[in-house]
Amino acid sequence: MQRRTFFRYASASAAAATILLTTSCDDDDDDMTPPTSGVDLGSGDSGILNYAYALEQLEAAFYTAVVAQSGSALTTAEMQVMMDLKNHEVAHREFFKAALGQKAIPALEVNFSSINFNDKNSVLQTARTFENLGVAAYNGAGKLFTDTGVGLDYLVLAGKIVSVEARHAAAIDDMISGGNRFGEEFIDSNGLDRALMPADVLSAAAPFISTKINFSNLPK
């Protein structure tokens, strides 16, 4: 996918939202011992791209399921938001897949057994979790890029993606609260959003991903 094509998708009109991330850890906390088997994300900048690709696969799969299964739980306006989110996350997923080429990890198997797609609260709370987790993941991963050339280009693009994810998060919060909140619990006293390292992010995402992920070679 050419960069201009990605921008067209990522900049498309979006209403979207965020949800409560239940991990409670410091930004630089990386205590989880990485598994050394399973799908290997790789190392260096390609490893970070695969990390983002894995998360975008999860989000794209979730919103695809929502659009297919939650018609009775959501209003027409709410479903339109979900369709917008699905289109954005699919675009993000396909961008990383194309950028990685032969280095891309295979499609991951997801596990949404804990989600009731016929229940509005279950759908929105899961969406809030995924969107806020995505924002924290991009915020934490940016500093891990090492290549001052290509890596800088991807860092700029990641900044554009995380801003879309944050719009998603705010939209979901708006749908949950009726416009009375905006995820302020994710913002620290310096006015900065949460940043999480890959170990914490993948630990939080693990219940929704059946495929075992080896992230032991990612930059620290």
C-alpha atoms as a PDB file:
ATOM      1  CA  MET A   1       0.000   0.000   0.000  1.00  0.00           C
ATOM      2  CA  GLN A   2       1.464   3.344  -1.019  1.00  0.00           C
ATOM      3  CA  ARG A   3       1.856   5.949   1.683  1.00  0.00           C
ATOM      4  CA  ARG A   4      -0.669   8.314   0.093  1.00  0.00           C
ATOM      5  CA  THR A   5      -3.213   5.483   0.032  1.00  0.00           C
ATOM      6  CA  PHE A   6      -2.645   4.823   3.717  1.00  0.00           C
ATOM      7  CA  PHE A   7      -3.105   8.488   4.547  1.00  0.00           C
ATOM      8  CA  ARG A   8      -6.382   8.495   2.646  1.00  0.00           C
ATOM      9  CA  TYR A   9      -7.684   5.613   4.759  1.00  0.00           C
ATOM     10  CA  ALA A  10      -6.257   6.769   8.065  1.00  0.00           C
ATOM     11  CA  SER A  11      -7.541  10.321   7.609  1.00  0.00           C
ATOM     12  CA  ALA A  12     -11.039   9.244   6.587  1.00  0.00           C
ATOM     13  CA  SER A  13     -13.826  10.734   8.668  1.00  0.00           C
ATOM     14  CA  ALA A  14     -14.112   8.894  11.962  1.00  0.00           C
ATOM     15  CA  ALA A  15     -16.148   8.932  15.077  1.00  0.00           C
ATOM     16  CA  ALA A  16     -14.619   6.685  17.650  1.00  0.00           C
ATOM     17  CA  ALA A  17     -13.807   5.899  21.199  1.00  0.00           C
ATOM     18  CA  THR A  18     -11.841   4.548  24.177  1.00  0.00           C
ATOM     19  CA  ILE A  19     -12.259   2.065  26.996  1.00  0.00           C
ATOM     20  CA  LEU A  20     -10.947   1.236  30.469  1.00  0.00           C
ATOM     21  CA  LEU A  21      -7.550  -0.417  30.371  1.00  0.00           C
ATOM     22  CA  THR A  22      -7.265  -2.556  33.464  1.00  0.00           C
ATOM     23  CA  THR A  23      -3.489  -2.987  33.610  1.00  0.00           C
ATOM     24  CA  SER A  24      -1.915  -1.022  36.457  1.00  0.00           C
ATOM     25  CA  CYS A  25       1.780  -0.621  35.771  1.00  0.00           C
ATOM     26  CA  ASP A  26       4.364   2.078  35.267  1.00  0.00           C
ATOM     27  CA  ASP A  27       5.207   3.262  31.764  1.00  0.00           C
ATOM     28  CA  ASP A  28       8.619   1.591  31.803  1.00  0.00           C
ATOM     29  CA  ASP A  29       7.614  -1.507  33.754  1.00  0.00           C
ATOM     30  CA  ASP A  30       8.725  -4.539  31.731  1.00  0.00           C
ATOM     31  CA  ASP A  31       8.690  -7.327  34.294  1.00  0.00           C
ATOM     32  CA  MET A  32       6.839  -9.893  32.218  1.00  0.00           C
ATOM     33  CA  THR A  33       9.159 -12.666  31.050  1.00  0.00           C
ATOM     34  CA  PRO A  34       8.740 -12.933  27.264  1.00  0.00           C
ATOM     35  CA  PRO A  35       7.901 -16.383  25.895  1.00  0.00           C
ATOM     36  CA  THR A  36      10.624 -17.814  23.694  1.00  0.00           C
ATOM     37  CA  SER A  37       8.321 -19.909  21.518  1.00  0.00           C
ATOM     38  CA  GLY A  38       5.359 -19.150  19.280  1.00  0.00           C
ATOM     39  CA  VAL A  39       5.095 -16.545  16.542  1.00  0.00           C
ATOM     40  CA  ASP A  40       8.308 -14.502  16.671  1.00  0.00           C
ATOM     41  CA  LEU A  41       7.740 -10.777  16.198  1.00  0.00           C
ATOM     42  CA  GLY A  42      11.396 -10.383  15.271  1.00  0.00           C
ATOM     43  CA  SER A  43      13.920  -7.758  16.285  1.00  0.00           C
ATOM     44  CA  GLY A  44      14.804  -4.149  15.499  1.00  0.00           C
ATOM     45  CA  ASP A  45      12.401  -1.888  13.659  1.00  0.00           C
ATOM     46  CA  SER A  46      10.712  -4.784  11.853  1.00  0.00           C
ATOM     47  CA  GLY A  47       9.964  -6.329  15.246  1.00  0.00           C
ATOM     48  CA  ILE A  48       8.266  -3.129  16.397  1.00  0.00           C
ATOM     49  CA  LEU A  49       6.264  -3.008  13.164  1.00  0.00           C
ATOM     50  CA  ASN A  50       5.166  -6.619  13.701  1.00  0.00           C
ATOM     51  CA  TYR A  51       4.182  -5.702  17.253  1.00  0.00           C
ATOM     52  CA  ALA A  52       1.952  -2.944  15.897  1.00  0.00           C
ATOM     53  CA  TYR A  53       0.707  -5.280  13.172  1.00  0.00           C
ATOM     54  CA  ALA A  54      -0.343  -7.856  15.785  1.00  0.00           C
ATOM     55  CA  LEU A  55      -2.363  -5.255  17.684  1.00  0.00           C
ATOM     56  CA  GLU A  56      -3.988  -3.960  14.511  1.00  0.00           C
ATOM     57  CA  GLN A  57      -4.930  -7.525  13.581  1.00  0.00           C
ATOM     58  CA  LEU A  58      -6.680  -7.833  16.937  1.00  0.00           C
ATOM     59  CA  GLU A  59      -8.578  -4.567  16.564  1.00  0.00           C
ATOM     60  CA  ALA A  60      -9.560  -5.216  12.969  1.00  0.00           C
ATOM     61  CA  ALA A  61     -10.847  -8.679  13.885  1.00  0.00           C
ATOM     62  CA  PHE A  62     -12.853  -7.272  16.781  1.00  0.00           C
ATOM     63  CA  TYR A  63     -14.605  -4.550  14.794  1.00  0.00           C
ATOM     64  CA  THR A  64     -15.242  -6.950  11.929  1.00  0.00           C
ATOM     65  CA  ALA A  65     -17.026  -9.211  14.420  1.00  0.00           C
ATOM     66  CA  VAL A  66     -18.950  -6.270  15.876  1.00  0.00           C
ATOM     67  CA  VAL A  67     -20.217  -5.169  12.470  1.00  0.00           C
ATOM     68  CA  ALA A  68     -21.205  -8.740  11.627  1.00  0.00           C
ATOM     69  CA  GLN A  69     -22.810  -9.708  14.944  1.00  0.00           C
ATOM     70  CA  SER A  70     -23.926  -6.654  16.952  1.00  0.00           C
ATOM     71  CA  GLY A  71     -26.683  -5.225  14.797  1.00  0.00           C
ATOM     72  CA  SER A  72     -29.353  -5.955  17.416  1.00  0.00           C
ATOM     73  CA  ALA A  73     -27.316  -4.449  20.267  1.00  0.00           C
ATOM     74  CA  LEU A  74     -26.379  -1.115  18.716  1.00  0.00           C
ATOM     75  CA  THR A  75     -28.351   1.760  17.235  1.00  0.00           C
ATOM     76  CA  THR A  76     -27.936   2.675  13.587  1.00  0.00           C
ATOM     77  CA  ALA A  77     -25.728   5.627  14.549  1.00  0.00           C
ATOM     78  CA  GLU A  78     -23.598   3.475  16.851  1.00  0.00           C
ATOM     79  CA  MET A  79     -23.181   0.842  14.169  1.00  0.00           C
ATOM     80  CA  GLN A  80     -22.021   3.524  11.739  1.00  0.00           C
ATOM     81  CA  VAL A  81     -19.281   4.443  14.205  1.00  0.00           C
ATOM     82  CA  MET A  82     -18.273   0.798  14.445  1.00  0.00           C
ATOM     83  CA  MET A  83     -18.140   0.531  10.666  1.00  0.00           C
ATOM     84  CA  ASP A  84     -15.872   3.590  10.557  1.00  0.00           C
ATOM     85  CA  LEU A  85     -13.614   2.060  13.202  1.00  0.00           C
ATOM     86  CA  LYS A  86     -13.514  -1.227  11.331  1.00  0.00           C
ATOM     87  CA  ASN A  87     -12.437   0.533   8.128  1.00  0.00           C
ATOM     88  CA  HIS A  88      -9.681   2.417   9.940  1.00  0.00           C
ATOM     89  CA  GLU A  89      -8.317  -0.635  11.729  1.00  0.00           C
ATOM     90  CA  VAL A  90      -8.362  -2.731   8.566  1.00  0.00           C
ATOM     91  CA  ALA A  91      -6.450   0.056   6.811  1.00  0.00           C
ATOM     92  CA  HIS A  92      -3.888   0.118   9.637  1.00  0.00           C
ATOM     93  CA  ARG A  93      -3.555  -3.664   9.515  1.00  0.00           C
ATOM     94  CA  GLU A  94      -3.031  -3.726   5.766  1.00  0.00           C
ATOM     95  CA  PHE A  95      -0.512  -0.887   5.948  1.00  0.00           C
ATOM     96  CA  PHE A  96       1.718  -2.777   8.375  1.00  0.00           C
ATOM     97  CA  LYS A  97       1.335  -5.997   6.422  1.00  0.00           C
ATOM     98  CA  ALA A  98       2.467  -4.256   3.238  1.00  0.00           C
ATOM     99  CA  ALA A  99       5.282  -2.381   4.989  1.00  0.00           C
ATOM    100  CA  LEU A 100       6.670  -5.586   6.473  1.00  0.00           C
ATOM    101  CA  GLY A 101       6.432  -7.653   3.295  1.00  0.00           C
ATOM    102  CA  GLN A 102       8.029 -11.068   3.805  1.00  0.00           C
ATOM    103  CA  LYS A 103       8.902 -10.171   7.401  1.00  0.00           C
ATOM    104  CA  ALA A 104       5.234  -9.932   8.379  1.00  0.00           C
ATOM    105  CA  ILE A 105       4.003 -12.413  10.951  1.00  0.00           C
ATOM    106  CA  PRO A 106       1.118 -14.695   9.894  1.00  0.00           C
ATOM    107  CA  ALA A 107      -2.510 -13.968  10.693  1.00  0.00           C
ATOM    108  CA  LEU A 108      -3.165 -14.402  14.402  1.00  0.00           C
ATOM    109  CA  GLU A 109      -5.979 -16.489  15.842  1.00  0.00           C
ATOM    110  CA  VAL A 110      -8.183 -14.391  18.122  1.00  0.00           C
ATOM    111  CA  ASN A 111     -10.325 -15.455  21.064  1.00  0.00           C
ATOM    112  CA  PHE A 112     -13.448 -13.388  21.647  1.00  0.00           C
ATOM    113  CA  SER A 113     -15.281 -15.983  23.753  1.00  0.00           C
ATOM    114  CA  SER A 114     -15.454 -13.558  26.696  1.00  0.00           C
ATOM    115  CA  ILE A 115     -17.280 -10.929  24.628  1.00  0.00           C
ATOM    116  CA  ASN A 116     -21.067 -10.919  24.272  1.00  0.00           C
ATOM    117  CA  PHE A 117     -21.567  -9.313  20.877  1.00  0.00           C
ATOM    118  CA  ASN A 118     -25.311  -9.130  21.536  1.00  0.00           C
ATOM    119  CA  ASP A 119     -24.775  -6.917  24.571  1.00  0.00           C
ATOM    120  CA  LYS A 120     -24.039  -3.228  24.012  1.00  0.00           C
ATOM    121  CA  ASN A 121     -22.084  -2.780  27.239  1.00  0.00           C
ATOM    122  CA  SER A 122     -19.846  -5.775  26.508  1.00  0.00           C
ATOM    123  CA  VAL A 123     -19.088  -4.462  23.023  1.00  0.00           C
ATOM    124  CA  LEU A 124     -18.382  -0.893  24.117  1.00  0.00           C
ATOM    125  CA  GLN A 125     -16.279  -1.824  27.131  1.00  0.00           C
ATOM    126  CA  THR A 126     -14.151  -4.137  24.997  1.00  0.00           C
ATOM    127  CA  ALA A 127     -13.759  -1.438  22.364  1.00  0.00           C
ATOM    128  CA  ARG A 128     -12.687   0.981  25.088  1.00  0.00           C
ATOM    129  CA  THR A 129     -10.092  -1.481  26.346  1.00  0.00           C
ATOM    130  CA  PHE A 130      -8.651  -2.102  22.878  1.00  0.00           C
ATOM    131  CA  GLU A 131      -8.495   1.555  21.855  1.00  0.00           C
ATOM    132  CA  ASN A 132      -6.830   2.765  25.045  1.00  0.00           C
ATOM    133  CA  LEU A 133      -4.461  -0.180  24.925  1.00  0.00           C
ATOM    134  CA  GLY A 134      -3.571   0.760  21.346  1.00  0.00           C
ATOM    135  CA  VAL A 135      -2.836   4.370  22.304  1.00  0.00           C
ATOM    136  CA  ALA A 136      -0.611   3.278  25.196  1.00  0.00           C
ATOM    137  CA  ALA A 137       1.143   0.753  22.957  1.00  0.00           C
ATOM    138  CA  TYR A 138       2.063   3.291  20.274  1.00  0.00           C
ATOM    139  CA  ASN A 139       3.138   5.820  22.893  1.00  0.00           C
ATOM    140  CA  GLY A 140       5.449   3.263  24.465  1.00  0.00           C
ATOM    141  CA  ALA A 141       6.838   1.798  21.247  1.00  0.00           C
ATOM    142  CA  GLY A 142       7.889   4.999  19.522  1.00  0.00           C
ATOM    143  CA  LYS A 143      11.164   5.267  21.432  1.00  0.00           C
ATOM    144  CA  LEU A 144      12.118   1.720  20.403  1.00  0.00           C
ATOM    145  CA  PHE A 145      12.696   2.540  16.727  1.00  0.00           C
ATOM    146  CA  THR A 146      16.417   2.539  16.009  1.00  0.00           C
ATOM    147  CA  ASP A 147      16.893   3.302  12.309  1.00  0.00           C
ATOM    148  CA  THR A 148      17.309   7.074  11.955  1.00  0.00           C
ATOM    149  CA  GLY A 149      16.175   6.857   8.326  1.00  0.00           C
ATOM    150  CA  VAL A 150      13.338   4.453   7.667  1.00  0.00           C
ATOM    151  CA  GLY A 151      12.626   4.164  11.385  1.00  0.00           C
ATOM    152  CA  LEU A 152      11.966   7.898  11.553  1.00  0.00           C
ATOM    153  CA  ASP A 153       9.493   7.625   8.674  1.00  0.00           C
ATOM    154  CA  TYR A 154       7.615   4.895  10.512  1.00  0.00           C
ATOM    155  CA  LEU A 155       7.722   6.896  13.729  1.00  0.00           C
ATOM    156  CA  VAL A 156       5.975   9.769  11.939  1.00  0.00           C
ATOM    157  CA  LEU A 157       3.357   7.376  10.558  1.00  0.00           C
ATOM    158  CA  ALA A 158       2.896   5.786  13.976  1.00  0.00           C
ATOM    159  CA  GLY A 159       2.197   9.261  15.326  1.00  0.00           C
ATOM    160  CA  LYS A 160      -0.553   9.664  12.764  1.00  0.00           C
ATOM    161  CA  ILE A 161      -2.018   6.261  13.637  1.00  0.00           C
ATOM    162  CA  VAL A 162      -1.979   6.828  17.399  1.00  0.00           C
ATOM    163  CA  SER A 163      -3.882  10.078  16.924  1.00  0.00           C
ATOM    164  CA  VAL A 164      -6.581   8.145  15.075  1.00  0.00           C
ATOM    165  CA  GLU A 165      -6.647   5.523  17.832  1.00  0.00           C
ATOM    166  CA  ALA A 166      -7.081   8.312  20.390  1.00  0.00           C
ATOM    167  CA  ARG A 167     -10.025   9.691  18.395  1.00  0.00           C
ATOM    168  CA  HIS A 168     -11.498   6.204  18.458  1.00  0.00           C
ATOM    169  CA  ALA A 169     -11.034   6.041  22.214  1.00  0.00           C
ATOM    170  CA  ALA A 170     -12.709   9.402  22.763  1.00  0.00           C
ATOM    171  CA  ALA A 171     -15.664   8.428  20.573  1.00  0.00           C
ATOM    172  CA  ILE A 172     -16.232   5.185  22.483  1.00  0.00           C
ATOM    173  CA  ASP A 173     -16.101   7.057  25.797  1.00  0.00           C
ATOM    174  CA  ASP A 174     -18.680   9.470  24.397  1.00  0.00           C
ATOM    175  CA  MET A 175     -20.966   6.564  23.438  1.00  0.00           C
ATOM    176  CA  ILE A 176     -20.618   5.000  26.888  1.00  0.00           C
ATOM    177  CA  SER A 177     -21.121   8.145  28.961  1.00  0.00           C
ATOM    178  CA  GLY A 178     -23.324  10.246  26.707  1.00  0.00           C
ATOM    179  CA  GLY A 179     -20.678  12.931  26.343  1.00  0.00           C
ATOM    180  CA  ASN A 180     -19.822  13.275  30.032  1.00  0.00           C
ATOM    181  CA  ARG A 181     -16.266  11.970  30.007  1.00  0.00           C
ATOM    182  CA  PHE A 182     -13.227  11.548  27.749  1.00  0.00           C
ATOM    183  CA  GLY A 183     -10.891   9.004  29.347  1.00  0.00           C
ATOM    184  CA  GLU A 184      -9.256  11.441  31.739  1.00  0.00           C
ATOM    185  CA  GLU A 185      -8.029   8.528  33.868  1.00  0.00           C
ATOM    186  CA  PHE A 186      -5.466   7.762  31.166  1.00  0.00           C
ATOM    187  CA  ILE A 187      -3.875  11.228  31.355  1.00  0.00           C
ATOM    188  CA  ASP A 188      -1.209  11.971  33.947  1.00  0.00           C
ATOM    189  CA  SER A 189      -0.553  15.126  35.967  1.00  0.00           C
ATOM    190  CA  ASN A 190       1.647  16.477  33.180  1.00  0.00           C
ATOM    191  CA  GLY A 191      -1.198  16.264  30.688  1.00  0.00           C
ATOM    192  CA  LEU A 192       0.385  13.286  28.924  1.00  0.00           C
ATOM    193  CA  ASP A 193      -1.333  10.105  27.814  1.00  0.00           C
ATOM    194  CA  ARG A 194      -0.311   6.692  29.124  1.00  0.00           C
ATOM    195  CA  ALA A 195       2.578   4.814  27.526  1.00  0.00           C
ATOM    196  CA  LEU A 196       3.101   1.077  28.001  1.00  0.00           C
ATOM    197  CA  MET A 197       5.931  -1.207  26.979  1.00  0.00           C
ATOM    198  CA  PRO A 198       5.273  -4.259  24.752  1.00  0.00           C
ATOM    199  CA  ALA A 199       5.375  -6.748  27.638  1.00  0.00           C
ATOM    200  CA  ASP A 200       2.552  -4.965  29.450  1.00  0.00           C
ATOM    201  CA  VAL A 201       0.501  -4.426  26.312  1.00  0.00           C
ATOM    202  CA  LEU A 202       0.775  -8.029  25.147  1.00  0.00           C
ATOM    203  CA  SER A 203      -0.047  -9.256  28.641  1.00  0.00           C
ATOM    204  CA  ALA A 204      -3.262  -7.223  28.586  1.00  0.00           C
ATOM    205  CA  ALA A 205      -4.104  -8.409  25.063  1.00  0.00           C
ATOM    206  CA  ALA A 206      -3.253 -12.078  25.719  1.00  0.00           C
ATOM    207  CA  PRO A 207      -6.780 -13.161  26.774  1.00  0.00           C
ATOM    208  CA  PHE A 208      -8.024 -12.150  23.321  1.00  0.00           C
ATOM    209  CA  ILE A 209      -5.259 -13.786  21.253  1.00  0.00           C
ATOM    210  CA  SER A 210      -5.061 -17.572  21.001  1.00  0.00           C
ATOM    211  CA  THR A 211      -1.792 -17.521  19.061  1.00  0.00           C
ATOM    212  CA  LYS A 212       1.254 -17.589  21.310  1.00  0.00           C
ATOM    213  CA  ILE A 213       3.480 -14.565  20.627  1.00  0.00           C
ATOM    214  CA  ASN A 214       7.242 -14.511  21.169  1.00  0.00           C
ATOM    215  CA  PHE A 215       8.365 -10.926  21.725  1.00  0.00           C
ATOM    216  CA  SER A 216      11.674 -11.763  23.407  1.00  0.00           C
ATOM    217  CA  ASN A 217      13.708 -10.225  20.570  1.00  0.00           C
ATOM    218  CA  LEU A 218      12.031  -6.824  20.577  1.00  0.00           C
ATOM    219  CA  PRO A 219      14.177  -3.783  21.462  1.00  0.00           C
ATOM    220  CA  LYS A 220      14.091  -2.974  25.175  1.00  0.00           C
END
